[in-house]
Amino acid sequence: MNHKRLIADAIYVFLGAILLCLGIAEVVDAFWSGMGSALIAVGVMHALRHFRLHNDEDYREKMKVETTDERLQFLRLKAWGWAGYLFVLISAVCAIVFKLLGQDLLSVAAGGAVCLLIVLYWFSYLVLRKKY
């Protein structure tokens, strides 16, 4: 059993509980209490998945196949590629639409997201080109 993973899950739940309690006490705003709820959910879900992997042989084998199967790895990479491409297109259209609607701040944010993703793509490409 991976105890480091369980400790990380417990930390997620603990931090989430603190943020949620601070939100209920109105020490922090609703954003942080919502973040606390999300951290609790993530910690619990990870712990449940970990316990299922440890105790259920069929599930463990299924997860091993999903993580090592070349076809599924190819599909995951293809899906990320499509998602990135669609994100750039949608964000670029949003930047133009927001500018036409006079929403300059939203236009700059959408345009900045496009630029950031393109810079990340090229940086990743250069790193991977040297690696492979």
N, C-alpha and C. Protein backbone atom coordinates (compact mmCIF):
# COMPACT_ATOMS: atom_id res chain seq x y z
N MET A 1 0.85 -1.18 0.00
CA MET A 1 0.00 0.00 0.00
C MET A 1 0.89 1.24 0.00
N ASN A 2 0.55 2.21 -0.82
CA ASN A 2 1.34 3.43 -0.95
C ASN A 2 0.92 4.43 0.13
N HIS A 3 1.71 4.48 1.19
CA HIS A 3 1.36 5.33 2.33
C HIS A 3 1.55 6.82 2.01
N LYS A 4 2.49 7.15 1.12
CA LYS A 4 2.69 8.55 0.75
C LYS A 4 1.44 9.09 0.06
N ARG A 5 0.82 8.27 -0.78
CA ARG A 5 -0.40 8.68 -1.48
C ARG A 5 -1.54 8.91 -0.49
N LEU A 6 -1.65 8.01 0.50
CA LEU A 6 -2.69 8.17 1.52
C LEU A 6 -2.46 9.42 2.37
N ILE A 7 -1.21 9.71 2.67
CA ILE A 7 -0.90 10.92 3.45
C ILE A 7 -1.28 12.16 2.64
N ALA A 8 -0.96 12.16 1.35
CA ALA A 8 -1.34 13.30 0.50
C ALA A 8 -2.86 13.45 0.45
N ASP A 9 -3.58 12.34 0.35
CA ASP A 9 -5.05 12.41 0.35
C ASP A 9 -5.57 12.96 1.66
N ALA A 10 -4.99 12.54 2.76
CA ALA A 10 -5.40 13.04 4.07
C ALA A 10 -5.12 14.54 4.19
N ILE A 11 -4.02 14.99 3.63
CA ILE A 11 -3.69 16.43 3.66
C ILE A 11 -4.72 17.21 2.85
N TYR A 12 -5.13 16.67 1.68
CA TYR A 12 -6.17 17.33 0.89
C TYR A 12 -7.46 17.48 1.71
N VAL A 13 -7.86 16.41 2.36
CA VAL A 13 -9.10 16.44 3.15
C VAL A 13 -8.95 17.42 4.32
N PHE A 14 -7.82 17.40 4.98
CA PHE A 14 -7.58 18.28 6.12
C PHE A 14 -7.60 19.75 5.71
N LEU A 15 -6.87 20.09 4.64
CA LEU A 15 -6.86 21.48 4.17
C LEU A 15 -8.25 21.90 3.70
N GLY A 16 -8.93 20.98 3.03
CA GLY A 16 -10.29 21.28 2.58
C GLY A 16 -11.23 21.54 3.74
N ALA A 17 -11.10 20.74 4.79
CA ALA A 17 -11.95 20.93 5.97
C ALA A 17 -11.67 22.28 6.63
N ILE A 18 -10.41 22.65 6.69
CA ILE A 18 -10.05 23.96 7.27
C ILE A 18 -10.68 25.08 6.46
N LEU A 19 -10.51 25.03 5.12
CA LEU A 19 -11.08 26.08 4.28
C LEU A 19 -12.61 26.11 4.37
N LEU A 20 -13.22 24.94 4.40
CA LEU A 20 -14.68 24.89 4.50
C LEU A 20 -15.16 25.47 5.83
N CYS A 21 -14.49 25.13 6.92
CA CYS A 21 -14.86 25.68 8.24
C CYS A 21 -14.66 27.19 8.29
N LEU A 22 -13.57 27.67 7.70
CA LEU A 22 -13.34 29.11 7.66
C LEU A 22 -14.41 29.81 6.82
N GLY A 23 -14.87 29.15 5.77
CA GLY A 23 -15.95 29.72 4.96
C GLY A 23 -17.26 29.76 5.71
N ILE A 24 -17.56 28.68 6.44
CA ILE A 24 -18.80 28.64 7.23
C ILE A 24 -18.77 29.70 8.32
N ALA A 25 -17.58 29.92 8.91
CA ALA A 25 -17.43 30.95 9.95
C ALA A 25 -17.34 32.35 9.35
N GLU A 26 -17.39 32.46 8.03
CA GLU A 26 -17.31 33.71 7.29
C GLU A 26 -16.01 34.47 7.51
N VAL A 27 -14.93 33.69 7.72
CA VAL A 27 -13.60 34.29 7.82
C VAL A 27 -13.06 34.51 6.40
N VAL A 28 -13.38 33.59 5.51
CA VAL A 28 -13.00 33.71 4.10
C VAL A 28 -14.27 33.71 3.26
N ASP A 29 -14.13 34.13 2.00
CA ASP A 29 -15.33 34.21 1.15
C ASP A 29 -15.72 32.84 0.59
N ALA A 30 -16.79 32.83 -0.19
CA ALA A 30 -17.37 31.59 -0.71
C ALA A 30 -16.42 30.87 -1.66
N PHE A 31 -15.54 31.60 -2.34
CA PHE A 31 -14.59 30.96 -3.23
C PHE A 31 -13.74 29.95 -2.46
N TRP A 32 -13.21 30.36 -1.32
CA TRP A 32 -12.31 29.50 -0.56
C TRP A 32 -13.06 28.35 0.11
N SER A 33 -14.29 28.57 0.53
CA SER A 33 -15.05 27.46 1.09
C SER A 33 -15.39 26.46 -0.01
N GLY A 34 -15.67 26.95 -1.22
CA GLY A 34 -15.88 26.05 -2.35
C GLY A 34 -14.62 25.28 -2.69
N MET A 35 -13.48 25.94 -2.61
CA MET A 35 -12.19 25.27 -2.83
C MET A 35 -11.98 24.20 -1.77
N GLY A 36 -12.38 24.49 -0.54
CA GLY A 36 -12.27 23.50 0.53
C GLY A 36 -13.13 22.27 0.25
N SER A 37 -14.35 22.50 -0.21
CA SER A 37 -15.23 21.38 -0.55
C SER A 37 -14.63 20.53 -1.67
N ALA A 38 -14.05 21.20 -2.66
CA ALA A 38 -13.42 20.48 -3.77
C ALA A 38 -12.22 19.67 -3.27
N LEU A 39 -11.41 20.23 -2.39
CA LEU A 39 -10.26 19.49 -1.85
C LEU A 39 -10.70 18.26 -1.06
N ILE A 40 -11.77 18.41 -0.30
CA ILE A 40 -12.30 17.26 0.44
C ILE A 40 -12.73 16.18 -0.54
N ALA A 41 -13.46 16.57 -1.57
CA ALA A 41 -13.94 15.60 -2.56
C ALA A 41 -12.77 14.91 -3.26
N VAL A 42 -11.76 15.67 -3.64
CA VAL A 42 -10.59 15.09 -4.32
C VAL A 42 -9.87 14.12 -3.39
N GLY A 43 -9.66 14.51 -2.15
CA GLY A 43 -8.97 13.63 -1.20
C GLY A 43 -9.73 12.34 -0.96
N VAL A 44 -11.04 12.44 -0.79
CA VAL A 44 -11.86 11.24 -0.55
C VAL A 44 -11.87 10.34 -1.78
N MET A 45 -12.07 10.93 -2.95
CA MET A 45 -12.10 10.13 -4.18
C MET A 45 -10.77 9.43 -4.45
N HIS A 46 -9.67 10.14 -4.23
CA HIS A 46 -8.35 9.51 -4.42
C HIS A 46 -8.15 8.37 -3.43
N ALA A 47 -8.55 8.58 -2.19
CA ALA A 47 -8.40 7.53 -1.18
C ALA A 47 -9.25 6.32 -1.53
N LEU A 48 -10.50 6.55 -1.95
CA LEU A 48 -11.36 5.42 -2.34
C LEU A 48 -10.78 4.67 -3.53
N ARG A 49 -10.26 5.39 -4.50
CA ARG A 49 -9.63 4.75 -5.66
C ARG A 49 -8.42 3.94 -5.23
N HIS A 50 -7.62 4.51 -4.34
CA HIS A 50 -6.44 3.81 -3.85
C HIS A 50 -6.82 2.51 -3.13
N PHE A 51 -7.84 2.58 -2.27
CA PHE A 51 -8.29 1.37 -1.56
C PHE A 51 -8.84 0.33 -2.54
N ARG A 52 -9.55 0.80 -3.56
CA ARG A 52 -10.09 -0.15 -4.54
C ARG A 52 -8.95 -0.80 -5.33
N LEU A 53 -7.95 -0.02 -5.71
CA LEU A 53 -6.80 -0.60 -6.41
C LEU A 53 -6.08 -1.63 -5.55
N HIS A 54 -6.01 -1.35 -4.26
CA HIS A 54 -5.30 -2.25 -3.34
C HIS A 54 -6.08 -3.53 -3.08
N ASN A 55 -7.41 -3.45 -3.03
CA ASN A 55 -8.22 -4.59 -2.59
C ASN A 55 -8.89 -5.36 -3.73
N ASP A 56 -9.04 -4.77 -4.91
CA ASP A 56 -9.79 -5.40 -6.00
C ASP A 56 -8.84 -5.76 -7.14
N GLU A 57 -8.55 -7.05 -7.27
CA GLU A 57 -7.60 -7.53 -8.29
C GLU A 57 -8.09 -7.24 -9.71
N ASP A 58 -9.38 -7.42 -9.97
CA ASP A 58 -9.92 -7.17 -11.31
C ASP A 58 -9.78 -5.69 -11.69
N TYR A 59 -10.11 -4.82 -10.75
CA TYR A 59 -10.00 -3.39 -11.01
C TYR A 59 -8.53 -3.00 -11.22
N ARG A 60 -7.63 -3.56 -10.42
CA ARG A 60 -6.21 -3.27 -10.56
C ARG A 60 -5.72 -3.68 -11.95
N GLU A 61 -6.15 -4.83 -12.43
CA GLU A 61 -5.75 -5.30 -13.76
C GLU A 61 -6.33 -4.40 -14.85
N LYS A 62 -7.58 -3.98 -14.67
CA LYS A 62 -8.22 -3.10 -15.64
C LYS A 62 -7.46 -1.76 -15.72
N MET A 63 -7.09 -1.21 -14.58
CA MET A 63 -6.36 0.06 -14.55
C MET A 63 -4.97 -0.10 -15.16
N LYS A 64 -4.35 -1.25 -14.93
CA LYS A 64 -3.02 -1.50 -15.51
C LYS A 64 -3.11 -1.52 -17.03
N VAL A 65 -4.15 -2.17 -17.56
CA VAL A 65 -4.34 -2.21 -19.01
C VAL A 65 -4.59 -0.80 -19.55
N GLU A 66 -5.43 -0.03 -18.86
CA GLU A 66 -5.75 1.32 -19.33
C GLU A 66 -4.53 2.23 -19.34
N THR A 67 -3.62 2.04 -18.41
CA THR A 67 -2.46 2.93 -18.35
C THR A 67 -1.31 2.46 -19.24
N THR A 68 -1.30 1.19 -19.63
CA THR A 68 -0.19 0.69 -20.42
C THR A 68 -0.56 0.37 -21.87
N ASP A 69 -1.83 0.33 -22.22
CA ASP A 69 -2.25 -0.01 -23.56
C ASP A 69 -1.87 1.12 -24.53
N GLU A 70 -1.15 0.76 -25.59
CA GLU A 70 -0.65 1.77 -26.54
C GLU A 70 -1.79 2.47 -27.28
N ARG A 71 -2.83 1.74 -27.61
CA ARG A 71 -3.95 2.36 -28.31
C ARG A 71 -4.62 3.42 -27.44
N LEU A 72 -4.83 3.11 -26.17
CA LEU A 72 -5.46 4.08 -25.27
C LEU A 72 -4.54 5.28 -25.03
N GLN A 73 -3.24 5.05 -24.95
CA GLN A 73 -2.30 6.16 -24.81
C GLN A 73 -2.35 7.06 -26.03
N PHE A 74 -2.42 6.46 -27.22
CA PHE A 74 -2.53 7.23 -28.45
C PHE A 74 -3.81 8.06 -28.46
N LEU A 75 -4.92 7.44 -28.04
CA LEU A 75 -6.20 8.16 -28.00
C LEU A 75 -6.15 9.33 -27.02
N ARG A 76 -5.52 9.11 -25.86
CA ARG A 76 -5.41 10.20 -24.88
C ARG A 76 -4.59 11.37 -25.46
N LEU A 77 -3.49 11.05 -26.13
CA LEU A 77 -2.67 12.11 -26.73
C LEU A 77 -3.44 12.82 -27.84
N LYS A 78 -4.18 12.08 -28.64
CA LYS A 78 -5.00 12.68 -29.69
C LYS A 78 -6.05 13.60 -29.09
N ALA A 79 -6.69 13.16 -28.01
CA ALA A 79 -7.73 13.97 -27.36
C ALA A 79 -7.13 15.26 -26.81
N TRP A 80 -5.94 15.19 -26.22
CA TRP A 80 -5.28 16.40 -25.74
C TRP A 80 -4.97 17.34 -26.90
N GLY A 81 -4.53 16.78 -28.00
CA GLY A 81 -4.25 17.60 -29.17
C GLY A 81 -5.49 18.32 -29.67
N TRP A 82 -6.59 17.59 -29.80
CA TRP A 82 -7.84 18.20 -30.23
C TRP A 82 -8.31 19.26 -29.24
N ALA A 83 -8.21 18.95 -27.95
CA ALA A 83 -8.65 19.90 -26.92
C ALA A 83 -7.84 21.19 -27.00
N GLY A 84 -6.54 21.06 -27.16
CA GLY A 84 -5.69 22.25 -27.27
C GLY A 84 -6.03 23.07 -28.50
N TYR A 85 -6.19 22.39 -29.63
CA TYR A 85 -6.52 23.07 -30.88
C TYR A 85 -7.86 23.79 -30.77
N LEU A 86 -8.87 23.11 -30.24
CA LEU A 86 -10.18 23.72 -30.08
C LEU A 86 -10.15 24.88 -29.09
N PHE A 87 -9.35 24.74 -28.03
CA PHE A 87 -9.23 25.82 -27.06
C PHE A 87 -8.67 27.08 -27.71
N VAL A 88 -7.64 26.92 -28.53
CA VAL A 88 -7.05 28.07 -29.21
C VAL A 88 -8.09 28.72 -30.13
N LEU A 89 -8.80 27.91 -30.90
CA LEU A 89 -9.80 28.48 -31.82
C LEU A 89 -10.92 29.18 -31.07
N ILE A 90 -11.46 28.54 -30.04
CA ILE A 90 -12.56 29.13 -29.28
C ILE A 90 -12.12 30.40 -28.56
N SER A 91 -10.94 30.37 -27.98
CA SER A 91 -10.43 31.56 -27.28
C SER A 91 -10.17 32.70 -28.24
N ALA A 92 -9.65 32.39 -29.43
CA ALA A 92 -9.40 33.44 -30.42
C ALA A 92 -10.73 34.08 -30.87
N VAL A 93 -11.74 33.25 -31.12
CA VAL A 93 -13.06 33.78 -31.50
C VAL A 93 -13.63 34.61 -30.36
N CYS A 94 -13.49 34.13 -29.13
CA CYS A 94 -13.99 34.88 -27.96
C CYS A 94 -13.28 36.23 -27.83
N ALA A 95 -11.97 36.26 -28.09
CA ALA A 95 -11.23 37.52 -28.00
C ALA A 95 -11.80 38.53 -28.99
N ILE A 96 -12.12 38.08 -30.20
CA ILE A 96 -12.68 38.98 -31.21
C ILE A 96 -14.09 39.42 -30.82
N VAL A 97 -14.91 38.46 -30.40
CA VAL A 97 -16.29 38.79 -30.03
C VAL A 97 -16.32 39.74 -28.83
N PHE A 98 -15.50 39.46 -27.83
CA PHE A 98 -15.45 40.35 -26.66
C PHE A 98 -15.01 41.76 -27.05
N LYS A 99 -14.06 41.85 -27.96
CA LYS A 99 -13.60 43.18 -28.41
C LYS A 99 -14.73 43.92 -29.12
N LEU A 100 -15.47 43.18 -29.97
CA LEU A 100 -16.60 43.81 -30.67
C LEU A 100 -17.71 44.24 -29.71
N LEU A 101 -17.86 43.53 -28.60
CA LEU A 101 -18.87 43.87 -27.60
C LEU A 101 -18.39 44.93 -26.61
N GLY A 102 -17.15 45.38 -26.77
CA GLY A 102 -16.62 46.41 -25.88
C GLY A 102 -16.13 45.88 -24.54
N GLN A 103 -15.95 44.59 -24.44
CA GLN A 103 -15.46 43.97 -23.20
C GLN A 103 -13.93 43.78 -23.32
N ASP A 104 -13.21 44.89 -23.17
CA ASP A 104 -11.77 44.87 -23.41
C ASP A 104 -11.02 43.94 -22.46
N LEU A 105 -11.39 43.92 -21.20
CA LEU A 105 -10.69 43.07 -20.24
C LEU A 105 -10.86 41.59 -20.60
N LEU A 106 -12.07 41.19 -20.95
CA LEU A 106 -12.30 39.80 -21.35
C LEU A 106 -11.58 39.48 -22.66
N SER A 107 -11.54 40.44 -23.56
CA SER A 107 -10.84 40.24 -24.83
C SER A 107 -9.35 40.02 -24.61
N VAL A 108 -8.77 40.83 -23.74
CA VAL A 108 -7.35 40.67 -23.43
C VAL A 108 -7.09 39.33 -22.74
N ALA A 109 -7.98 38.93 -21.84
CA ALA A 109 -7.81 37.65 -21.14
C ALA A 109 -7.88 36.48 -22.13
N ALA A 110 -8.84 36.51 -23.04
CA ALA A 110 -8.96 35.43 -24.03
C ALA A 110 -7.77 35.43 -24.97
N GLY A 111 -7.34 36.60 -25.42
CA GLY A 111 -6.15 36.69 -26.27
C GLY A 111 -4.89 36.24 -25.55
N GLY A 112 -4.79 36.60 -24.28
CA GLY A 112 -3.65 36.17 -23.48
C GLY A 112 -3.62 34.66 -23.29
N ALA A 113 -4.79 34.06 -23.14
CA ALA A 113 -4.86 32.59 -23.01
C ALA A 113 -4.38 31.92 -24.29
N VAL A 114 -4.76 32.47 -25.44
CA VAL A 114 -4.29 31.93 -26.72
C VAL A 114 -2.76 32.03 -26.80
N CYS A 115 -2.24 33.20 -26.49
CA CYS A 115 -0.79 33.40 -26.55
C CYS A 115 -0.05 32.48 -25.59
N LEU A 116 -0.57 32.35 -24.37
CA LEU A 116 0.07 31.48 -23.39
C LEU A 116 0.10 30.03 -23.87
N LEU A 117 -1.00 29.56 -24.41
CA LEU A 117 -1.04 28.17 -24.87
C LEU A 117 -0.09 27.95 -26.04
N ILE A 118 0.01 28.91 -26.94
CA ILE A 118 0.93 28.77 -28.07
C ILE A 118 2.37 28.78 -27.60
N VAL A 119 2.70 29.65 -26.64
CA VAL A 119 4.06 29.67 -26.08
C VAL A 119 4.36 28.35 -25.39
N LEU A 120 3.41 27.83 -24.62
CA LEU A 120 3.61 26.53 -23.97
C LEU A 120 3.79 25.41 -24.98
N TYR A 121 3.03 25.46 -26.07
CA TYR A 121 3.17 24.46 -27.12
C TYR A 121 4.58 24.48 -27.71
N TRP A 122 5.05 25.66 -28.09
CA TRP A 122 6.37 25.74 -28.72
C TRP A 122 7.48 25.36 -27.76
N PHE A 123 7.36 25.76 -26.52
CA PHE A 123 8.37 25.36 -25.52
C PHE A 123 8.39 23.84 -25.37
N SER A 124 7.21 23.25 -25.26
CA SER A 124 7.12 21.79 -25.14
C SER A 124 7.67 21.11 -26.37
N TYR A 125 7.37 21.66 -27.54
CA TYR A 125 7.87 21.09 -28.79
C TYR A 125 9.40 21.10 -28.83
N LEU A 126 9.99 22.22 -28.43
CA LEU A 126 11.45 22.31 -28.45
C LEU A 126 12.09 21.34 -27.47
N VAL A 127 11.51 21.21 -26.29
CA VAL A 127 12.04 20.27 -25.29
C VAL A 127 11.91 18.84 -25.79
N LEU A 128 10.73 18.50 -26.31
CA LEU A 128 10.50 17.12 -26.76
C LEU A 128 11.32 16.79 -28.00
N ARG A 129 11.56 17.78 -28.85
CA ARG A 129 12.38 17.55 -30.05
C ARG A 129 13.81 17.16 -29.68
N LYS A 130 14.33 17.77 -28.63
CA LYS A 130 15.67 17.42 -28.18
C LYS A 130 15.69 16.06 -27.47
N LYS A 131 14.59 15.74 -26.82
CA LYS A 131 14.52 14.50 -26.06
C LYS A 131 14.35 13.30 -26.97
N TYR A 132 13.56 13.42 -28.03
CA TYR A 132 13.25 12.27 -28.89
C TYR A 132 13.88 12.42 -30.24
